[in-house]
Amino acid sequence: MGNSAPAKSSLIRERLKGKILTAAECREIADRKMGEAVGDRRHGKELKATAQAWLVLAERIALTSFEGVLRRASAPKSSP
């Protein structure tokens, strides 16, 4: 299959450099990929699939973050 967006993927790698993405950043990338898919007759299906994968990742990150907040909120408070 190959890379769905060679020009943009290097930009994403450059922005990451050890950084963990937020759900909002993943949704932003998904939105950009969907926009690219509309204008690309040759790779449109691949770009749509890539956008969907970014959305799944965003959902999982959001869920994990929410679970972490719940865990911290329900953890017993230690006294100093």
PDB file of N, CA and C in Angstrom:
ATOM      1  N   MET A   1       0.807  -1.190   0.000  1.00  0.00           N
ATOM      2  CA  MET A   1       0.000   0.000   0.000  1.00  0.00           C
ATOM      3  C   MET A   1       0.852   1.257   0.000  1.00  0.00           C
ATOM      4  N   GLY A   2       1.777   1.367   0.881  1.00  0.00           N
ATOM      5  CA  GLY A   2       2.645   2.524   0.899  1.00  0.00           C
ATOM      6  C   GLY A   2       2.159   3.606   1.830  1.00  0.00           C
ATOM      7  N   ASN A   3       2.872   4.692   1.830  1.00  0.00           N
ATOM      8  CA  ASN A   3       2.554   5.810   2.698  1.00  0.00           C
ATOM      9  C   ASN A   3       1.390   6.606   2.141  1.00  0.00           C
ATOM     10  N   SER A   4       0.405   6.925   2.976  1.00  0.00           N
ATOM     11  CA  SER A   4      -0.786   7.608   2.500  1.00  0.00           C
ATOM     12  C   SER A   4      -0.548   9.079   2.163  1.00  0.00           C
ATOM     13  N   ALA A   5       0.431   9.695   2.776  1.00  0.00           N
ATOM     14  CA  ALA A   5       0.710  11.103   2.488  1.00  0.00           C
ATOM     15  C   ALA A   5       2.177  11.404   2.739  1.00  0.00           C
ATOM     16  N   PRO A   6       3.040  11.084   1.778  1.00  0.00           N
ATOM     17  CA  PRO A   6       4.476  11.240   1.998  1.00  0.00           C
ATOM     18  C   PRO A   6       4.900  12.642   2.409  1.00  0.00           C
ATOM     19  N   ALA A   7       4.318  13.662   1.826  1.00  0.00           N
ATOM     20  CA  ALA A   7       4.732  15.024   2.148  1.00  0.00           C
ATOM     21  C   ALA A   7       4.346  15.409   3.574  1.00  0.00           C
ATOM     22  N   LYS A   8       3.199  14.972   4.034  1.00  0.00           N
ATOM     23  CA  LYS A   8       2.710  15.361   5.358  1.00  0.00           C
ATOM     24  C   LYS A   8       3.270  14.480   6.467  1.00  0.00           C
ATOM     25  N   SER A   9       3.551  13.209   6.183  1.00  0.00           N
ATOM     26  CA  SER A   9       4.008  12.310   7.242  1.00  0.00           C
ATOM     27  C   SER A   9       5.350  12.745   7.818  1.00  0.00           C
ATOM     28  N   SER A  10       6.217  13.307   7.001  1.00  0.00           N
ATOM     29  CA  SER A  10       7.492  13.783   7.530  1.00  0.00           C
ATOM     30  C   SER A  10       7.264  14.971   8.455  1.00  0.00           C
ATOM     31  N   LEU A  11       6.246  15.778   8.158  1.00  0.00           N
ATOM     32  CA  LEU A  11       5.900  16.901   9.020  1.00  0.00           C
ATOM     33  C   LEU A  11       5.420  16.387  10.381  1.00  0.00           C
ATOM     34  N   ILE A  12       4.605  15.350  10.369  1.00  0.00           N
ATOM     35  CA  ILE A  12       4.110  14.772  11.619  1.00  0.00           C
ATOM     36  C   ILE A  12       5.262  14.210  12.434  1.00  0.00           C
ATOM     37  N   ARG A  13       6.158  13.457  11.790  1.00  0.00           N
ATOM     38  CA  ARG A  13       7.317  12.907  12.500  1.00  0.00           C
ATOM     39  C   ARG A  13       8.164  14.018  13.103  1.00  0.00           C
ATOM     40  N   GLU A  14       8.348  15.103  12.348  1.00  0.00           N
ATOM     41  CA  GLU A  14       9.152  16.223  12.825  1.00  0.00           C
ATOM     42  C   GLU A  14       8.511  16.870  14.051  1.00  0.00           C
ATOM     43  N   ARG A  15       7.181  16.994  14.069  1.00  0.00           N
ATOM     44  CA  ARG A  15       6.480  17.605  15.194  1.00  0.00           C
ATOM     45  C   ARG A  15       6.517  16.720  16.429  1.00  0.00           C
ATOM     46  N   LEU A  16       6.563  15.420  16.247  1.00  0.00           N
ATOM     47  CA  LEU A  16       6.493  14.509  17.385  1.00  0.00           C
ATOM     48  C   LEU A  16       7.765  14.519  18.210  1.00  0.00           C
ATOM     49  N   LYS A  17       8.856  14.049  17.638  1.00  0.00           N
ATOM     50  CA  LYS A  17      10.157  13.988  18.319  1.00  0.00           C
ATOM     51  C   LYS A  17      10.041  13.685  19.810  1.00  0.00           C
ATOM     52  N   GLY A  18       9.436  12.548  20.148  1.00  0.00           N
ATOM     53  CA  GLY A  18       9.345  12.119  21.532  1.00  0.00           C
ATOM     54  C   GLY A  18       8.156  12.678  22.282  1.00  0.00           C
ATOM     55  N   LYS A  19       7.345  13.467  21.636  1.00  0.00           N
ATOM     56  CA  LYS A  19       6.197  14.096  22.288  1.00  0.00           C
ATOM     57  C   LYS A  19       4.978  13.173  22.162  1.00  0.00           C
ATOM     58  N   ILE A  20       4.184  13.117  23.205  1.00  0.00           N
ATOM     59  CA  ILE A  20       2.944  12.354  23.169  1.00  0.00           C
ATOM     60  C   ILE A  20       1.837  13.290  22.709  1.00  0.00           C
ATOM     61  N   LEU A  21       1.095  12.869  21.696  1.00  0.00           N
ATOM     62  CA  LEU A  21       0.023  13.697  21.164  1.00  0.00           C
ATOM     63  C   LEU A  21      -1.195  13.699  22.075  1.00  0.00           C
ATOM     64  N   THR A  22      -1.923  14.790  22.052  1.00  0.00           N
ATOM     65  CA  THR A  22      -3.191  14.866  22.762  1.00  0.00           C
ATOM     66  C   THR A  22      -4.302  14.395  21.828  1.00  0.00           C
ATOM     67  N   ALA A  23      -5.471  14.137  22.389  1.00  0.00           N
ATOM     68  CA  ALA A  23      -6.618  13.735  21.581  1.00  0.00           C
ATOM     69  C   ALA A  23      -6.962  14.839  20.581  1.00  0.00           C
ATOM     70  N   ALA A  24      -6.868  16.082  21.002  1.00  0.00           N
ATOM     71  CA  ALA A  24      -7.184  17.210  20.119  1.00  0.00           C
ATOM     72  C   ALA A  24      -6.228  17.265  18.930  1.00  0.00           C
ATOM     73  N   GLU A  25      -4.953  17.006  19.174  1.00  0.00           N
ATOM     74  CA  GLU A  25      -3.973  17.011  18.083  1.00  0.00           C
ATOM     75  C   GLU A  25      -4.249  15.870  17.104  1.00  0.00           C
ATOM     76  N   CYS A  26      -4.652  14.718  17.625  1.00  0.00           N
ATOM     77  CA  CYS A  26      -4.987  13.584  16.756  1.00  0.00           C
ATOM     78  C   CYS A  26      -6.206  13.906  15.898  1.00  0.00           C
ATOM     79  N   ARG A  27      -7.202  14.561  16.499  1.00  0.00           N
ATOM     80  CA  ARG A  27      -8.391  14.957  15.730  1.00  0.00           C
ATOM     81  C   ARG A  27      -8.027  15.985  14.663  1.00  0.00           C
ATOM     82  N   GLU A  28      -7.099  16.863  14.981  1.00  0.00           N
ATOM     83  CA  GLU A  28      -6.634  17.869  14.014  1.00  0.00           C
ATOM     84  C   GLU A  28      -5.970  17.188  12.818  1.00  0.00           C
ATOM     85  N   ILE A  29      -5.143  16.193  13.082  1.00  0.00           N
ATOM     86  CA  ILE A  29      -4.479  15.448  12.009  1.00  0.00           C
ATOM     87  C   ILE A  29      -5.521  14.698  11.184  1.00  0.00           C
ATOM     88  N   ALA A  30      -6.512  14.090  11.852  1.00  0.00           N
ATOM     89  CA  ALA A  30      -7.578  13.373  11.152  1.00  0.00           C
ATOM     90  C   ALA A  30      -8.342  14.317  10.230  1.00  0.00           C
ATOM     91  N   ASP A  31      -8.616  15.512  10.713  1.00  0.00           N
ATOM     92  CA  ASP A  31      -9.334  16.498   9.912  1.00  0.00           C
ATOM     93  C   ASP A  31      -8.525  16.873   8.675  1.00  0.00           C
ATOM     94  N   ARG A  32      -7.231  17.077   8.852  1.00  0.00           N
ATOM     95  CA  ARG A  32      -6.365  17.416   7.723  1.00  0.00           C
ATOM     96  C   ARG A  32      -6.315  16.270   6.704  1.00  0.00           C
ATOM     97  N   LYS A  33      -6.220  15.032   7.207  1.00  0.00           N
ATOM     98  CA  LYS A  33      -6.183  13.871   6.313  1.00  0.00           C
ATOM     99  C   LYS A  33      -7.484  13.745   5.517  1.00  0.00           C
ATOM    100  N   MET A  34      -8.615  14.013   6.180  1.00  0.00           N
ATOM    101  CA  MET A  34      -9.899  13.928   5.496  1.00  0.00           C
ATOM    102  C   MET A  34      -9.974  14.990   4.402  1.00  0.00           C
ATOM    103  N   GLY A  35      -9.458  16.177   4.698  1.00  0.00           N
ATOM    104  CA  GLY A  35      -9.404  17.238   3.687  1.00  0.00           C
ATOM    105  C   GLY A  35      -8.542  16.842   2.500  1.00  0.00           C
ATOM    106  N   GLU A  36      -7.429  16.189   2.769  1.00  0.00           N
ATOM    107  CA  GLU A  36      -6.552  15.723   1.698  1.00  0.00           C
ATOM    108  C   GLU A  36      -7.253  14.647   0.874  1.00  0.00           C
ATOM    109  N   ALA A  37      -8.019  13.799   1.538  1.00  0.00           N
ATOM    110  CA  ALA A  37      -8.702  12.696   0.854  1.00  0.00           C
ATOM    111  C   ALA A  37      -9.710  13.211  -0.168  1.00  0.00           C
ATOM    112  N   VAL A  38     -10.381  14.303   0.177  1.00  0.00           N
ATOM    113  CA  VAL A  38     -11.388  14.867  -0.722  1.00  0.00           C
ATOM    114  C   VAL A  38     -10.746  15.302  -2.034  1.00  0.00           C
ATOM    115  N   GLY A  39      -9.566  15.870  -1.967  1.00  0.00           N
ATOM    116  CA  GLY A  39      -8.907  16.376  -3.167  1.00  0.00           C
ATOM    117  C   GLY A  39      -7.986  15.395  -3.870  1.00  0.00           C
ATOM    118  N   ASP A  40      -7.866  14.180  -3.373  1.00  0.00           N
ATOM    119  CA  ASP A  40      -6.914  13.223  -3.942  1.00  0.00           C
ATOM    120  C   ASP A  40      -7.643  11.994  -4.474  1.00  0.00           C
ATOM    121  N   ARG A  41      -7.820  11.949  -5.787  1.00  0.00           N
ATOM    122  CA  ARG A  41      -8.541  10.825  -6.392  1.00  0.00           C
ATOM    123  C   ARG A  41      -7.736   9.530  -6.316  1.00  0.00           C
ATOM    124  N   ARG A  42      -6.424   9.655  -6.337  1.00  0.00           N
ATOM    125  CA  ARG A  42      -5.581   8.460  -6.368  1.00  0.00           C
ATOM    126  C   ARG A  42      -5.442   7.793  -5.005  1.00  0.00           C
ATOM    127  N   HIS A  43      -5.278   8.588  -3.950  1.00  0.00           N
ATOM    128  CA  HIS A  43      -5.025   8.041  -2.620  1.00  0.00           C
ATOM    129  C   HIS A  43      -6.162   8.339  -1.634  1.00  0.00           C
ATOM    130  N   GLY A  44      -7.303   8.743  -2.140  1.00  0.00           N
ATOM    131  CA  GLY A  44      -8.414   9.147  -1.285  1.00  0.00           C
ATOM    132  C   GLY A  44      -8.829   8.090  -0.268  1.00  0.00           C
ATOM    133  N   LYS A  45      -8.936   6.828  -0.705  1.00  0.00           N
ATOM    134  CA  LYS A  45      -9.360   5.759   0.213  1.00  0.00           C
ATOM    135  C   LYS A  45      -8.340   5.554   1.330  1.00  0.00           C
ATOM    136  N   GLU A  46      -7.077   5.572   0.968  1.00  0.00           N
ATOM    137  CA  GLU A  46      -6.024   5.406   1.980  1.00  0.00           C
ATOM    138  C   GLU A  46      -6.050   6.556   2.982  1.00  0.00           C
ATOM    139  N   LEU A  47      -6.225   7.771   2.480  1.00  0.00           N
ATOM    140  CA  LEU A  47      -6.247   8.938   3.362  1.00  0.00           C
ATOM    141  C   LEU A  47      -7.460   8.907   4.285  1.00  0.00           C
ATOM    142  N   LYS A  48      -8.602   8.450   3.785  1.00  0.00           N
ATOM    143  CA  LYS A  48      -9.788   8.323   4.643  1.00  0.00           C
ATOM    144  C   LYS A  48      -9.546   7.290   5.732  1.00  0.00           C
ATOM    145  N   ALA A  49      -8.933   6.171   5.361  1.00  0.00           N
ATOM    146  CA  ALA A  49      -8.626   5.130   6.350  1.00  0.00           C
ATOM    147  C   ALA A  49      -7.641   5.663   7.392  1.00  0.00           C
ATOM    148  N   THR A  50      -6.668   6.428   6.940  1.00  0.00           N
ATOM    149  CA  THR A  50      -5.699   7.025   7.854  1.00  0.00           C
ATOM    150  C   THR A  50      -6.391   8.004   8.798  1.00  0.00           C
ATOM    151  N   ALA A  51      -7.304   8.806   8.264  1.00  0.00           N
ATOM    152  CA  ALA A  51      -8.054   9.753   9.102  1.00  0.00           C
ATOM    153  C   ALA A  51      -8.870   9.008  10.150  1.00  0.00           C
ATOM    154  N   GLN A  52      -9.494   7.917   9.753  1.00  0.00           N
ATOM    155  CA  GLN A  52     -10.279   7.126  10.710  1.00  0.00           C
ATOM    156  C   GLN A  52      -9.389   6.547  11.802  1.00  0.00           C
ATOM    157  N   ALA A  53      -8.196   6.117  11.432  1.00  0.00           N
ATOM    158  CA  ALA A  53      -7.263   5.586  12.432  1.00  0.00           C
ATOM    159  C   ALA A  53      -6.854   6.674  13.428  1.00  0.00           C
ATOM    160  N   TRP A  54      -6.636   7.899  12.940  1.00  0.00           N
ATOM    161  CA  TRP A  54      -6.296   9.003  13.833  1.00  0.00           C
ATOM    162  C   TRP A  54      -7.445   9.296  14.786  1.00  0.00           C
ATOM    163  N   LEU A  55      -8.691   9.165  14.294  1.00  0.00           N
ATOM    164  CA  LEU A  55      -9.852   9.392  15.158  1.00  0.00           C
ATOM    165  C   LEU A  55      -9.959   8.325  16.238  1.00  0.00           C
ATOM    166  N   VAL A  56      -9.671   7.080  15.879  1.00  0.00           N
ATOM    167  CA  VAL A  56      -9.679   5.997  16.872  1.00  0.00           C
ATOM    168  C   VAL A  56      -8.614   6.275  17.930  1.00  0.00           C
ATOM    169  N   LEU A  57      -7.443   6.682  17.489  1.00  0.00           N
ATOM    170  CA  LEU A  57      -6.371   7.008  18.423  1.00  0.00           C
ATOM    171  C   LEU A  57      -6.789   8.154  19.350  1.00  0.00           C
ATOM    172  N   ALA A  58      -7.408   9.181  18.785  1.00  0.00           N
ATOM    173  CA  ALA A  58      -7.871  10.317  19.593  1.00  0.00           C
ATOM    174  C   ALA A  58      -8.868   9.858  20.651  1.00  0.00           C
ATOM    175  N   GLU A  59      -9.775   8.975  20.256  1.00  0.00           N
ATOM    176  CA  GLU A  59     -10.772   8.466  21.200  1.00  0.00           C
ATOM    177  C   GLU A  59     -10.116   7.683  22.329  1.00  0.00           C
ATOM    178  N   ARG A  60      -9.150   6.857  21.987  1.00  0.00           N
ATOM    179  CA  ARG A  60      -8.453   6.067  23.019  1.00  0.00           C
ATOM    180  C   ARG A  60      -7.640   6.950  23.956  1.00  0.00           C
ATOM    181  N   ILE A  61      -7.007   7.968  23.412  1.00  0.00           N
ATOM    182  CA  ILE A  61      -6.236   8.888  24.260  1.00  0.00           C
ATOM    183  C   ILE A  61      -7.174   9.617  25.208  1.00  0.00           C
ATOM    184  N   ALA A  62      -8.308  10.091  24.684  1.00  0.00           N
ATOM    185  CA  ALA A  62      -9.275  10.800  25.525  1.00  0.00           C
ATOM    186  C   ALA A  62      -9.805   9.882  26.624  1.00  0.00           C
ATOM    187  N   LEU A  63     -10.104   8.648  26.282  1.00  0.00           N
ATOM    188  CA  LEU A  63     -10.615   7.692  27.258  1.00  0.00           C
ATOM    189  C   LEU A  63      -9.563   7.395  28.330  1.00  0.00           C
ATOM    190  N   THR A  64      -8.333   7.199  27.913  1.00  0.00           N
ATOM    191  CA  THR A  64      -7.245   6.916  28.845  1.00  0.00           C
ATOM    192  C   THR A  64      -7.031   8.104  29.784  1.00  0.00           C
ATOM    193  N   SER A  65      -7.078   9.304  29.231  1.00  0.00           N
ATOM    194  CA  SER A  65      -6.912  10.507  30.060  1.00  0.00           C
ATOM    195  C   SER A  65      -8.036  10.613  31.079  1.00  0.00           C
ATOM    196  N   PHE A  66      -9.263  10.343  30.637  1.00  0.00           N
ATOM    197  CA  PHE A  66     -10.420  10.416  31.523  1.00  0.00           C
ATOM    198  C   PHE A  66     -10.319   9.362  32.627  1.00  0.00           C
ATOM    199  N   GLU A  67      -9.888   8.154  32.266  1.00  0.00           N
ATOM    200  CA  GLU A  67      -9.729   7.096  33.267  1.00  0.00           C
ATOM    201  C   GLU A  67      -8.674   7.486  34.295  1.00  0.00           C
ATOM    202  N   GLY A  68      -7.613   8.133  33.850  1.00  0.00           N
ATOM    203  CA  GLY A  68      -6.571   8.591  34.767  1.00  0.00           C
ATOM    204  C   GLY A  68      -7.097   9.624  35.749  1.00  0.00           C
ATOM    205  N   VAL A  69      -7.937  10.526  35.270  1.00  0.00           N
ATOM    206  CA  VAL A  69      -8.541  11.540  36.143  1.00  0.00           C
ATOM    207  C   VAL A  69      -9.435  10.868  37.173  1.00  0.00           C
ATOM    208  N   LEU A  70     -10.230   9.895  36.731  1.00  0.00           N
ATOM    209  CA  LEU A  70     -11.105   9.177  37.656  1.00  0.00           C
ATOM    210  C   LEU A  70     -10.305   8.435  38.720  1.00  0.00           C
ATOM    211  N   ARG A  71      -9.209   7.801  38.296  1.00  0.00           N
ATOM    212  CA  ARG A  71      -8.371   7.060  39.246  1.00  0.00           C
ATOM    213  C   ARG A  71      -7.787   7.993  40.291  1.00  0.00           C
ATOM    214  N   ARG A  72      -7.298   9.147  39.848  1.00  0.00           N
ATOM    215  CA  ARG A  72      -6.713  10.105  40.797  1.00  0.00           C
ATOM    216  C   ARG A  72      -7.784  10.660  41.743  1.00  0.00           C
ATOM    217  N   ALA A  73      -8.977  10.886  41.212  1.00  0.00           N
ATOM    218  CA  ALA A  73     -10.050  11.434  42.032  1.00  0.00           C
ATOM    219  C   ALA A  73     -10.522  10.437  43.083  1.00  0.00           C
ATOM    220  N   SER A  74     -10.466   9.153  42.768  1.00  0.00           N
ATOM    221  CA  SER A  74     -10.960   8.139  43.711  1.00  0.00           C
ATOM    222  C   SER A  74      -9.851   7.584  44.613  1.00  0.00           C
ATOM    223  N   ALA A  75      -8.617   7.983  44.363  1.00  0.00           N
ATOM    224  CA  ALA A  75      -7.501   7.510  45.198  1.00  0.00           C
ATOM    225  C   ALA A  75      -7.587   8.142  46.583  1.00  0.00           C
ATOM    226  N   PRO A  76      -7.275   7.341  47.606  1.00  0.00           N
ATOM    227  CA  PRO A  76      -7.313   7.893  48.965  1.00  0.00           C
ATOM    228  C   PRO A  76      -6.274   9.013  49.121  1.00  0.00           C
ATOM    229  N   LYS A  77      -6.678  10.033  49.793  1.00  0.00           N
ATOM    230  CA  LYS A  77      -5.785  11.175  50.037  1.00  0.00           C
ATOM    231  C   LYS A  77      -4.834  10.838  51.179  1.00  0.00           C
ATOM    232  N   SER A  78      -3.574  11.138  50.978  1.00  0.00           N
ATOM    233  CA  SER A  78      -2.603  10.893  52.052  1.00  0.00           C
ATOM    234  C   SER A  78      -2.404  12.184  52.842  1.00  0.00           C
ATOM    235  N   SER A  79      -2.283  12.053  54.122  1.00  0.00           N
ATOM    236  CA  SER A  79      -2.080  13.244  54.960  1.00  0.00           C
ATOM    237  C   SER A  79      -0.593  13.522  55.124  1.00  0.00           C
ATOM    238  N   PRO A  80      -0.209  14.783  55.162  1.00  0.00           N
ATOM    239  CA  PRO A  80       1.238  15.155  55.244  1.00  0.00           C
ATOM    240  C   PRO A  80       1.848  14.870  56.580  1.00  0.00           C
TER     241      PRO A  80
END
